[in-house]
Amino acid sequence: MSSIKNWLNGKRTYIVVVMGLLTSLLAWLDGQIDSKAMVVAVIVGAYAIFNRAGTAKVQKTVEALLAAPDDTAREK
Protein backbone atom coordinates (compact mmCIF):
# COMPACT_ATOMS: atom_id res chain seq x y z
CA MET A 1 0.00 0.00 0.00
CA SER A 2 2.83 2.40 0.79
CA SER A 3 4.34 1.79 -2.64
CA ILE A 4 1.09 2.99 -4.23
CA LYS A 5 1.11 6.08 -2.04
CA ASN A 6 4.71 6.76 -2.98
CA TRP A 7 3.92 6.37 -6.67
CA LEU A 8 0.94 8.73 -6.38
CA ASN A 9 3.02 11.38 -4.65
CA GLY A 10 2.97 14.41 -6.93
CA LYS A 11 0.67 12.79 -9.50
CA ARG A 12 -2.74 13.08 -7.86
CA THR A 13 -3.47 16.54 -9.27
CA TYR A 14 -2.62 15.43 -12.78
CA ILE A 15 -4.79 12.33 -12.46
CA VAL A 16 -7.75 14.42 -11.26
CA VAL A 17 -7.28 16.91 -14.11
CA VAL A 18 -7.17 14.15 -16.72
CA MET A 19 -10.29 12.54 -15.26
CA GLY A 20 -12.07 15.90 -15.27
CA LEU A 21 -11.10 16.55 -18.88
CA LEU A 22 -12.26 13.09 -19.93
CA THR A 23 -15.57 13.63 -18.16
CA SER A 24 -15.98 17.01 -19.84
CA LEU A 25 -15.13 15.52 -23.21
CA LEU A 26 -17.71 12.77 -22.79
CA ALA A 27 -20.34 15.30 -21.68
CA TRP A 28 -19.51 17.50 -24.69
CA LEU A 29 -19.71 14.56 -27.10
CA ASP A 30 -23.06 13.58 -25.57
CA GLY A 31 -24.38 17.12 -25.96
CA GLN A 32 -24.81 17.78 -22.25
CA ILE A 33 -22.44 20.77 -22.33
CA ASP A 34 -21.69 23.23 -25.12
CA SER A 35 -18.37 24.21 -26.63
CA LYS A 36 -17.93 27.17 -24.27
CA ALA A 37 -18.18 24.90 -21.23
CA MET A 38 -15.65 22.53 -22.81
CA VAL A 39 -13.20 25.40 -23.34
CA VAL A 40 -13.68 26.46 -19.72
CA ALA A 41 -12.98 22.90 -18.56
CA VAL A 42 -9.73 22.86 -20.53
CA ILE A 43 -8.68 26.24 -19.13
CA VAL A 44 -9.44 25.16 -15.57
CA GLY A 45 -7.49 21.95 -16.10
CA ALA A 46 -4.49 23.88 -17.44
CA TYR A 47 -4.69 26.28 -14.50
CA ALA A 48 -4.67 23.39 -12.03
CA ILE A 49 -1.60 21.84 -13.66
CA PHE A 50 0.34 25.11 -13.79
CA ASN A 51 -0.65 25.94 -10.22
CA ARG A 52 0.52 22.52 -9.02
CA ALA A 53 3.85 22.84 -10.83
CA GLY A 54 4.42 26.32 -9.42
CA THR A 55 3.57 25.23 -5.90
CA ALA A 56 6.02 22.32 -6.11
CA LYS A 57 8.77 24.64 -7.37
CA VAL A 58 8.24 27.13 -4.55
CA GLN A 59 8.15 24.32 -1.98
CA LYS A 60 11.51 22.97 -3.18
CA THR A 61 13.04 26.47 -3.10
CA VAL A 62 11.83 27.14 0.43
CA GLU A 63 13.06 23.76 1.65
CA ALA A 64 16.49 24.44 0.10
CA LEU A 65 16.66 27.85 1.75
CA LEU A 66 15.69 26.48 5.14
CA ALA A 67 18.26 23.70 4.87
CA ALA A 68 21.09 26.10 3.96
CA PRO A 69 23.83 26.06 6.61
CA ASP A 70 24.72 29.73 6.21
CA ASP A 71 23.23 32.97 4.96
CA THR A 72 24.96 32.88 1.57
CA ALA A 73 22.28 30.63 0.06
CA ARG A 74 19.52 32.84 1.43
CA GLU A 75 20.82 35.86 -0.47
CA LYS A 76 20.14 34.22 -3.87
PDB file of N, CA and C in Angstrom:
ATOM      1  N   MET A   1       0.823  -1.204   0.000  1.00  0.00           N
ATOM      2  CA  MET A   1       0.000   0.000   0.000  1.00  0.00           C
ATOM      3  C   MET A   1       0.863   1.262   0.000  1.00  0.00           C
ATOM      4  N   SER A   2       1.978   1.222   0.739  1.00  0.00           N
ATOM      5  CA  SER A   2       2.825   2.399   0.790  1.00  0.00           C
ATOM      6  C   SER A   2       3.507   2.649  -0.547  1.00  0.00           C
ATOM      7  N   SER A   3       3.730   1.588  -1.330  1.00  0.00           N
ATOM      8  CA  SER A   3       4.340   1.792  -2.645  1.00  0.00           C
ATOM      9  C   SER A   3       3.376   2.530  -3.577  1.00  0.00           C
ATOM     10  N   ILE A   4       2.090   2.265  -3.438  1.00  0.00           N
ATOM     11  CA  ILE A   4       1.092   2.987  -4.234  1.00  0.00           C
ATOM     12  C   ILE A   4       1.054   4.451  -3.822  1.00  0.00           C
ATOM     13  N   LYS A   5       1.103   4.703  -2.522  1.00  0.00           N
ATOM     14  CA  LYS A   5       1.109   6.084  -2.040  1.00  0.00           C
ATOM     15  C   LYS A   5       2.348   6.820  -2.519  1.00  0.00           C
ATOM     16  N   ASN A   6       3.485   6.138  -2.492  1.00  0.00           N
ATOM     17  CA  ASN A   6       4.715   6.764  -2.976  1.00  0.00           C
ATOM     18  C   ASN A   6       4.638   7.059  -4.465  1.00  0.00           C
ATOM     19  N   TRP A   7       4.048   6.151  -5.238  1.00  0.00           N
ATOM     20  CA  TRP A   7       3.918   6.367  -6.667  1.00  0.00           C
ATOM     21  C   TRP A   7       2.974   7.529  -6.959  1.00  0.00           C
ATOM     22  N   LEU A   8       1.910   7.656  -6.173  1.00  0.00           N
ATOM     23  CA  LEU A   8       0.937   8.725  -6.379  1.00  0.00           C
ATOM     24  C   LEU A   8       1.426  10.093  -5.921  1.00  0.00           C
ATOM     25  N   ASN A   9       2.500  10.120  -5.165  1.00  0.00           N
ATOM     26  CA  ASN A   9       3.017  11.383  -4.649  1.00  0.00           C
ATOM     27  C   ASN A   9       3.386  12.309  -5.810  1.00  0.00           C
ATOM     28  N   GLY A  10       2.715  13.445  -5.879  1.00  0.00           N
ATOM     29  CA  GLY A  10       2.969  14.413  -6.929  1.00  0.00           C
ATOM     30  C   GLY A  10       2.195  14.176  -8.210  1.00  0.00           C
ATOM     31  N   LYS A  11       1.423  13.116  -8.287  1.00  0.00           N
ATOM     32  CA  LYS A  11       0.674  12.790  -9.501  1.00  0.00           C
ATOM     33  C   LYS A  11      -0.836  12.920  -9.328  1.00  0.00           C
ATOM     34  N   ARG A  12      -1.291  13.074  -8.106  1.00  0.00           N
ATOM     35  CA  ARG A  12      -2.741  13.079  -7.860  1.00  0.00           C
ATOM     36  C   ARG A  12      -3.433  14.223  -8.589  1.00  0.00           C
ATOM     37  N   THR A  13      -2.848  15.402  -8.592  1.00  0.00           N
ATOM     38  CA  THR A  13      -3.472  16.538  -9.266  1.00  0.00           C
ATOM     39  C   THR A  13      -3.614  16.265 -10.753  1.00  0.00           C
ATOM     40  N   TYR A  14      -2.571  15.713 -11.350  1.00  0.00           N
ATOM     41  CA  TYR A  14      -2.615  15.435 -12.776  1.00  0.00           C
ATOM     42  C   TYR A  14      -3.660  14.373 -13.100  1.00  0.00           C
ATOM     43  N   ILE A  15      -3.785  13.382 -12.254  1.00  0.00           N
ATOM     44  CA  ILE A  15      -4.793  12.333 -12.460  1.00  0.00           C
ATOM     45  C   ILE A  15      -6.196  12.926 -12.377  1.00  0.00           C
ATOM     46  N   VAL A  16      -6.431  13.789 -11.406  1.00  0.00           N
ATOM     47  CA  VAL A  16      -7.749  14.420 -11.260  1.00  0.00           C
ATOM     48  C   VAL A  16      -8.061  15.307 -12.457  1.00  0.00           C
ATOM     49  N   VAL A  17      -7.061  16.042 -12.947  1.00  0.00           N
ATOM     50  CA  VAL A  17      -7.280  16.910 -14.105  1.00  0.00           C
ATOM     51  C   VAL A  17      -7.616  16.075 -15.339  1.00  0.00           C
ATOM     52  N   VAL A  18      -6.888  15.002 -15.567  1.00  0.00           N
ATOM     53  CA  VAL A  18      -7.167  14.150 -16.725  1.00  0.00           C
ATOM     54  C   VAL A  18      -8.567  13.548 -16.621  1.00  0.00           C
ATOM     55  N   MET A  19      -8.945  13.095 -15.434  1.00  0.00           N
ATOM     56  CA  MET A  19     -10.292  12.543 -15.255  1.00  0.00           C
ATOM     57  C   MET A  19     -11.353  13.604 -15.507  1.00  0.00           C
ATOM     58  N   GLY A  20     -11.122  14.820 -15.035  1.00  0.00           N
ATOM     59  CA  GLY A  20     -12.067  15.902 -15.271  1.00  0.00           C
ATOM     60  C   GLY A  20     -12.192  16.248 -16.742  1.00  0.00           C
ATOM     61  N   LEU A  21     -11.058  16.265 -17.447  1.00  0.00           N
ATOM     62  CA  LEU A  21     -11.103  16.554 -18.877  1.00  0.00           C
ATOM     63  C   LEU A  21     -11.795  15.438 -19.657  1.00  0.00           C
ATOM     64  N   LEU A  22     -11.563  14.196 -19.274  1.00  0.00           N
ATOM     65  CA  LEU A  22     -12.261  13.091 -19.933  1.00  0.00           C
ATOM     66  C   LEU A  22     -13.766  13.153 -19.695  1.00  0.00           C
ATOM     67  N   THR A  23     -14.149  13.487 -18.472  1.00  0.00           N
ATOM     68  CA  THR A  23     -15.569  13.629 -18.158  1.00  0.00           C
ATOM     69  C   THR A  23     -16.193  14.757 -18.965  1.00  0.00           C
ATOM     70  N   SER A  24     -15.483  15.873 -19.062  1.00  0.00           N
ATOM     71  CA  SER A  24     -15.982  17.008 -19.841  1.00  0.00           C
ATOM     72  C   SER A  24     -16.085  16.648 -21.320  1.00  0.00           C
ATOM     73  N   LEU A  25     -15.099  15.927 -21.815  1.00  0.00           N
ATOM     74  CA  LEU A  25     -15.127  15.518 -23.211  1.00  0.00           C
ATOM     75  C   LEU A  25     -16.325  14.612 -23.496  1.00  0.00           C
ATOM     76  N   LEU A  26     -16.560  13.662 -22.606  1.00  0.00           N
ATOM     77  CA  LEU A  26     -17.713  12.772 -22.789  1.00  0.00           C
ATOM     78  C   LEU A  26     -19.025  13.543 -22.720  1.00  0.00           C
ATOM     79  N   ALA A  27     -19.123  14.494 -21.791  1.00  0.00           N
ATOM     80  CA  ALA A  27     -20.341  15.301 -21.685  1.00  0.00           C
ATOM     81  C   ALA A  27     -20.532  16.159 -22.931  1.00  0.00           C
ATOM     82  N   TRP A  28     -19.430  16.681 -23.475  1.00  0.00           N
ATOM     83  CA  TRP A  28     -19.513  17.497 -24.687  1.00  0.00           C
ATOM     84  C   TRP A  28     -19.934  16.648 -25.882  1.00  0.00           C
ATOM     85  N   LEU A  29     -19.347  15.444 -25.993  1.00  0.00           N
ATOM     86  CA  LEU A  29     -19.710  14.562 -27.098  1.00  0.00           C
ATOM     87  C   LEU A  29     -21.162  14.104 -27.003  1.00  0.00           C
ATOM     88  N   ASP A  30     -21.678  13.993 -25.788  1.00  0.00           N
ATOM     89  CA  ASP A  30     -23.061  13.577 -25.575  1.00  0.00           C
ATOM     90  C   ASP A  30     -24.040  14.734 -25.734  1.00  0.00           C
ATOM     91  N   GLY A  31     -23.526  15.944 -25.800  1.00  0.00           N
ATOM     92  CA  GLY A  31     -24.378  17.115 -25.961  1.00  0.00           C
ATOM     93  C   GLY A  31     -24.887  17.707 -24.661  1.00  0.00           C
ATOM     94  N   GLN A  32     -24.361  17.259 -23.542  1.00  0.00           N
ATOM     95  CA  GLN A  32     -24.810  17.776 -22.254  1.00  0.00           C
ATOM     96  C   GLN A  32     -24.216  19.142 -21.935  1.00  0.00           C
ATOM     97  N   ILE A  33     -23.043  19.441 -22.492  1.00  0.00           N
ATOM     98  CA  ILE A  33     -22.444  20.769 -22.327  1.00  0.00           C
ATOM     99  C   ILE A  33     -22.106  21.299 -23.712  1.00  0.00           C
ATOM    100  N   ASP A  34     -22.020  22.630 -23.834  1.00  0.00           N
ATOM    101  CA  ASP A  34     -21.695  23.229 -25.122  1.00  0.00           C
ATOM    102  C   ASP A  34     -20.191  23.456 -25.242  1.00  0.00           C
ATOM    103  N   SER A  35     -19.794  24.009 -26.361  1.00  0.00           N
ATOM    104  CA  SER A  35     -18.368  24.214 -26.626  1.00  0.00           C
ATOM    105  C   SER A  35     -17.726  25.182 -25.653  1.00  0.00           C
ATOM    106  N   LYS A  36     -18.480  26.196 -25.230  1.00  0.00           N
ATOM    107  CA  LYS A  36     -17.935  27.169 -24.271  1.00  0.00           C
ATOM    108  C   LYS A  36     -17.591  26.492 -22.950  1.00  0.00           C
ATOM    109  N   ALA A  37     -18.447  25.616 -22.484  1.00  0.00           N
ATOM    110  CA  ALA A  37     -18.179  24.900 -21.234  1.00  0.00           C
ATOM    111  C   ALA A  37     -16.981  23.968 -21.390  1.00  0.00           C
ATOM    112  N   MET A  38     -16.805  23.392 -22.563  1.00  0.00           N
ATOM    113  CA  MET A  38     -15.652  22.529 -22.809  1.00  0.00           C
ATOM    114  C   MET A  38     -14.366  23.338 -22.772  1.00  0.00           C
ATOM    115  N   VAL A  39     -14.380  24.522 -23.366  1.00  0.00           N
ATOM    116  CA  VAL A  39     -13.204  25.398 -23.337  1.00  0.00           C
ATOM    117  C   VAL A  39     -12.882  25.798 -21.900  1.00  0.00           C
ATOM    118  N   VAL A  40     -13.897  26.109 -21.129  1.00  0.00           N
ATOM    119  CA  VAL A  40     -13.685  26.461 -19.720  1.00  0.00           C
ATOM    120  C   VAL A  40     -13.077  25.290 -18.962  1.00  0.00           C
ATOM    121  N   ALA A  41     -13.534  24.083 -19.226  1.00  0.00           N
ATOM    122  CA  ALA A  41     -12.978  22.904 -18.558  1.00  0.00           C
ATOM    123  C   ALA A  41     -11.500  22.731 -18.892  1.00  0.00           C
ATOM    124  N   VAL A  42     -11.135  22.965 -20.134  1.00  0.00           N
ATOM    125  CA  VAL A  42      -9.726  22.859 -20.535  1.00  0.00           C
ATOM    126  C   VAL A  42      -8.893  23.932 -19.850  1.00  0.00           C
ATOM    127  N   ILE A  43      -9.410  25.152 -19.784  1.00  0.00           N
ATOM    128  CA  ILE A  43      -8.678  26.243 -19.130  1.00  0.00           C
ATOM    129  C   ILE A  43      -8.503  25.960 -17.647  1.00  0.00           C
ATOM    130  N   VAL A  44      -9.531  25.489 -17.000  1.00  0.00           N
ATOM    131  CA  VAL A  44      -9.442  25.159 -15.570  1.00  0.00           C
ATOM    132  C   VAL A  44      -8.449  24.026 -15.343  1.00  0.00           C
ATOM    133  N   GLY A  45      -8.444  23.038 -16.212  1.00  0.00           N
ATOM    134  CA  GLY A  45      -7.486  21.954 -16.095  1.00  0.00           C
ATOM    135  C   GLY A  45      -6.053  22.444 -16.253  1.00  0.00           C
ATOM    136  N   ALA A  46      -5.832  23.311 -17.235  1.00  0.00           N
ATOM    137  CA  ALA A  46      -4.494  23.876 -17.437  1.00  0.00           C
ATOM    138  C   ALA A  46      -4.075  24.705 -16.233  1.00  0.00           C
ATOM    139  N   TYR A  47      -4.995  25.484 -15.690  1.00  0.00           N
ATOM    140  CA  TYR A  47      -4.691  26.278 -14.502  1.00  0.00           C
ATOM    141  C   TYR A  47      -4.288  25.383 -13.334  1.00  0.00           C
ATOM    142  N   ALA A  48      -4.989  24.292 -13.135  1.00  0.00           N
ATOM    143  CA  ALA A  48      -4.669  23.391 -12.028  1.00  0.00           C
ATOM    144  C   ALA A  48      -3.278  22.789 -12.198  1.00  0.00           C
ATOM    145  N   ILE A  49      -2.922  22.416 -13.421  1.00  0.00           N
ATOM    146  CA  ILE A  49      -1.598  21.840 -13.664  1.00  0.00           C
ATOM    147  C   ILE A  49      -0.506  22.878 -13.436  1.00  0.00           C
ATOM    148  N   PHE A  50      -0.678  24.080 -13.970  1.00  0.00           N
ATOM    149  CA  PHE A  50       0.341  25.114 -13.792  1.00  0.00           C
ATOM    150  C   PHE A  50       0.456  25.524 -12.331  1.00  0.00           C
ATOM    151  N   ASN A  51      -0.663  25.589 -11.640  1.00  0.00           N
ATOM    152  CA  ASN A  51      -0.646  25.943 -10.221  1.00  0.00           C
ATOM    153  C   ASN A  51       0.086  24.880  -9.409  1.00  0.00           C
ATOM    154  N   ARG A  52      -0.149  23.619  -9.721  1.00  0.00           N
ATOM    155  CA  ARG A  52       0.518  22.523  -9.016  1.00  0.00           C
ATOM    156  C   ARG A  52       2.031  22.553  -9.261  1.00  0.00           C
ATOM    157  N   ALA A  53       2.429  22.790 -10.501  1.00  0.00           N
ATOM    158  CA  ALA A  53       3.849  22.837 -10.831  1.00  0.00           C
ATOM    159  C   ALA A  53       4.526  24.015 -10.135  1.00  0.00           C
ATOM    160  N   GLY A  54       3.858  25.152 -10.102  1.00  0.00           N
ATOM    161  CA  GLY A  54       4.420  26.324  -9.420  1.00  0.00           C
ATOM    162  C   GLY A  54       4.532  26.114  -7.925  1.00  0.00           C
ATOM    163  N   THR A  55       3.539  25.498  -7.335  1.00  0.00           N
ATOM    164  CA  THR A  55       3.569  25.226  -5.901  1.00  0.00           C
ATOM    165  C   THR A  55       4.711  24.282  -5.552  1.00  0.00           C
ATOM    166  N   ALA A  56       4.926  23.266  -6.358  1.00  0.00           N
ATOM    167  CA  ALA A  56       6.020  22.318  -6.107  1.00  0.00           C
ATOM    168  C   ALA A  56       7.367  23.013  -6.220  1.00  0.00           C
ATOM    169  N   LYS A  57       7.509  23.917  -7.185  1.00  0.00           N
ATOM    170  CA  LYS A  57       8.769  24.638  -7.366  1.00  0.00           C
ATOM    171  C   LYS A  57       9.056  25.549  -6.177  1.00  0.00           C
ATOM    172  N   VAL A  58       8.055  26.247  -5.708  1.00  0.00           N
ATOM    173  CA  VAL A  58       8.237  27.128  -4.551  1.00  0.00           C
ATOM    174  C   VAL A  58       8.558  26.310  -3.308  1.00  0.00           C
ATOM    175  N   GLN A  59       7.899  25.179  -3.138  1.00  0.00           N
ATOM    176  CA  GLN A  59       8.151  24.323  -1.977  1.00  0.00           C
ATOM    177  C   GLN A  59       9.602  23.843  -1.964  1.00  0.00           C
ATOM    178  N   LYS A  60      10.122  23.425  -3.111  1.00  0.00           N
ATOM    179  CA  LYS A  60      11.513  22.971  -3.181  1.00  0.00           C
ATOM    180  C   LYS A  60      12.479  24.112  -2.876  1.00  0.00           C
ATOM    181  N   THR A  61      12.183  25.312  -3.354  1.00  0.00           N
ATOM    182  CA  THR A  61      13.043  26.467  -3.104  1.00  0.00           C
ATOM    183  C   THR A  61      13.064  26.815  -1.627  1.00  0.00           C
ATOM    184  N   VAL A  62      11.905  26.817  -0.997  1.00  0.00           N
ATOM    185  CA  VAL A  62      11.827  27.140   0.429  1.00  0.00           C
ATOM    186  C   VAL A  62      12.549  26.085   1.259  1.00  0.00           C
ATOM    187  N   GLU A  63      12.369  24.821   0.920  1.00  0.00           N
ATOM    188  CA  GLU A  63      13.063  23.763   1.652  1.00  0.00           C
ATOM    189  C   GLU A  63      14.577  23.891   1.504  1.00  0.00           C
ATOM    190  N   ALA A  64      15.049  24.256   0.310  1.00  0.00           N
ATOM    191  CA  ALA A  64      16.488  24.439   0.104  1.00  0.00           C
ATOM    192  C   ALA A  64      17.007  25.618   0.911  1.00  0.00           C
ATOM    193  N   LEU A  65      16.230  26.676   0.983  1.00  0.00           N
ATOM    194  CA  LEU A  65      16.663  27.854   1.747  1.00  0.00           C
ATOM    195  C   LEU A  65      16.692  27.559   3.243  1.00  0.00           C
ATOM    196  N   LEU A  66      15.721  26.809   3.723  1.00  0.00           N
ATOM    197  CA  LEU A  66      15.687  26.480   5.142  1.00  0.00           C
ATOM    198  C   LEU A  66      16.784  25.501   5.532  1.00  0.00           C
ATOM    199  N   ALA A  67      17.220  24.680   4.586  1.00  0.00           N
ATOM    200  CA  ALA A  67      18.264  23.697   4.874  1.00  0.00           C
ATOM    201  C   ALA A  67      19.662  24.267   4.706  1.00  0.00           C
ATOM    202  N   ALA A  68      19.778  25.488   4.199  1.00  0.00           N
ATOM    203  CA  ALA A  68      21.094  26.098   3.958  1.00  0.00           C
ATOM    204  C   ALA A  68      21.812  26.327   5.284  1.00  0.00           C
ATOM    205  N   PRO A  69      23.093  25.925   5.352  1.00  0.00           N
ATOM    206  CA  PRO A  69      23.834  26.060   6.607  1.00  0.00           C
ATOM    207  C   PRO A  69      24.226  27.498   6.946  1.00  0.00           C
ATOM    208  N   ASP A  70      24.333  28.332   5.934  1.00  0.00           N
ATOM    209  CA  ASP A  70      24.719  29.729   6.208  1.00  0.00           C
ATOM    210  C   ASP A  70      23.816  30.687   5.443  1.00  0.00           C
ATOM    211  N   ASP A  71      24.085  31.948   5.587  1.00  0.00           N
ATOM    212  CA  ASP A  71      23.230  32.972   4.959  1.00  0.00           C
ATOM    213  C   ASP A  71      23.562  33.206   3.500  1.00  0.00           C
ATOM    214  N   THR A  72      24.599  32.618   2.970  1.00  0.00           N
ATOM    215  CA  THR A  72      24.956  32.878   1.568  1.00  0.00           C
ATOM    216  C   THR A  72      23.896  32.325   0.622  1.00  0.00           C
ATOM    217  N   ALA A  73      23.315  31.200   0.934  1.00  0.00           N
ATOM    218  CA  ALA A  73      22.275  30.633   0.063  1.00  0.00           C
ATOM    219  C   ALA A  73      20.995  31.426   0.154  1.00  0.00           C
ATOM    220  N   ARG A  74      20.763  32.077   1.255  1.00  0.00           N
ATOM    221  CA  ARG A  74      19.523  32.837   1.428  1.00  0.00           C
ATOM    222  C   ARG A  74      19.548  34.145   0.674  1.00  0.00           C
ATOM    223  N   GLU A  75      20.731  34.612   0.263  1.00  0.00           N
ATOM    224  CA  GLU A  75      20.823  35.856  -0.472  1.00  0.00           C
ATOM    225  C   GLU A  75      20.451  35.690  -1.922  1.00  0.00           C
ATOM    226  N   LYS A  76      20.436  34.468  -2.446  1.00  0.00           N
ATOM    227  CA  LYS A  76      20.140  34.220  -3.867  1.00  0.00           C
ATOM    228  C   LYS A  76      18.723  34.419  -4.180  1.00  0.00           C
TER     229      LYS A  76
END
